[in-house]
């Protein structure tokens, strides 16, 4: 999974990669309206999840299916904050995920449970 400055995320297939060949693009998602500033990827309980934050003040959590289709599982706005980082905090512990988000010039850790 690769994030870009225009808010796009792309999911590439590396599993069938022969030496010296290019990657196969599975899906491209317009995940945010502004610069992507943080991303985390986790596999938890058979689910493959992607969390993204961007300069648009939005946290998005994406679920990737077995066929590599990507759907929006959760979205939250952190008002008036420039988001700079995101991480899954309890991956593998329960069926529900907690996501932590950080922001520029803030000592707070914003938590989103059940994302």
Foldseek 3Di string as FASTA:
>chain_A
DDAFQQQKDWDWDPPPDDPPDDIHTQDIDNHDRGGWQEKDWDQAPNWTKMWTDAQVQKIWIWTADPSRDIDTDDMDGDPPFRWHYKDWDQGHPDPKIKMWTDTPPDPDIDIDTRD
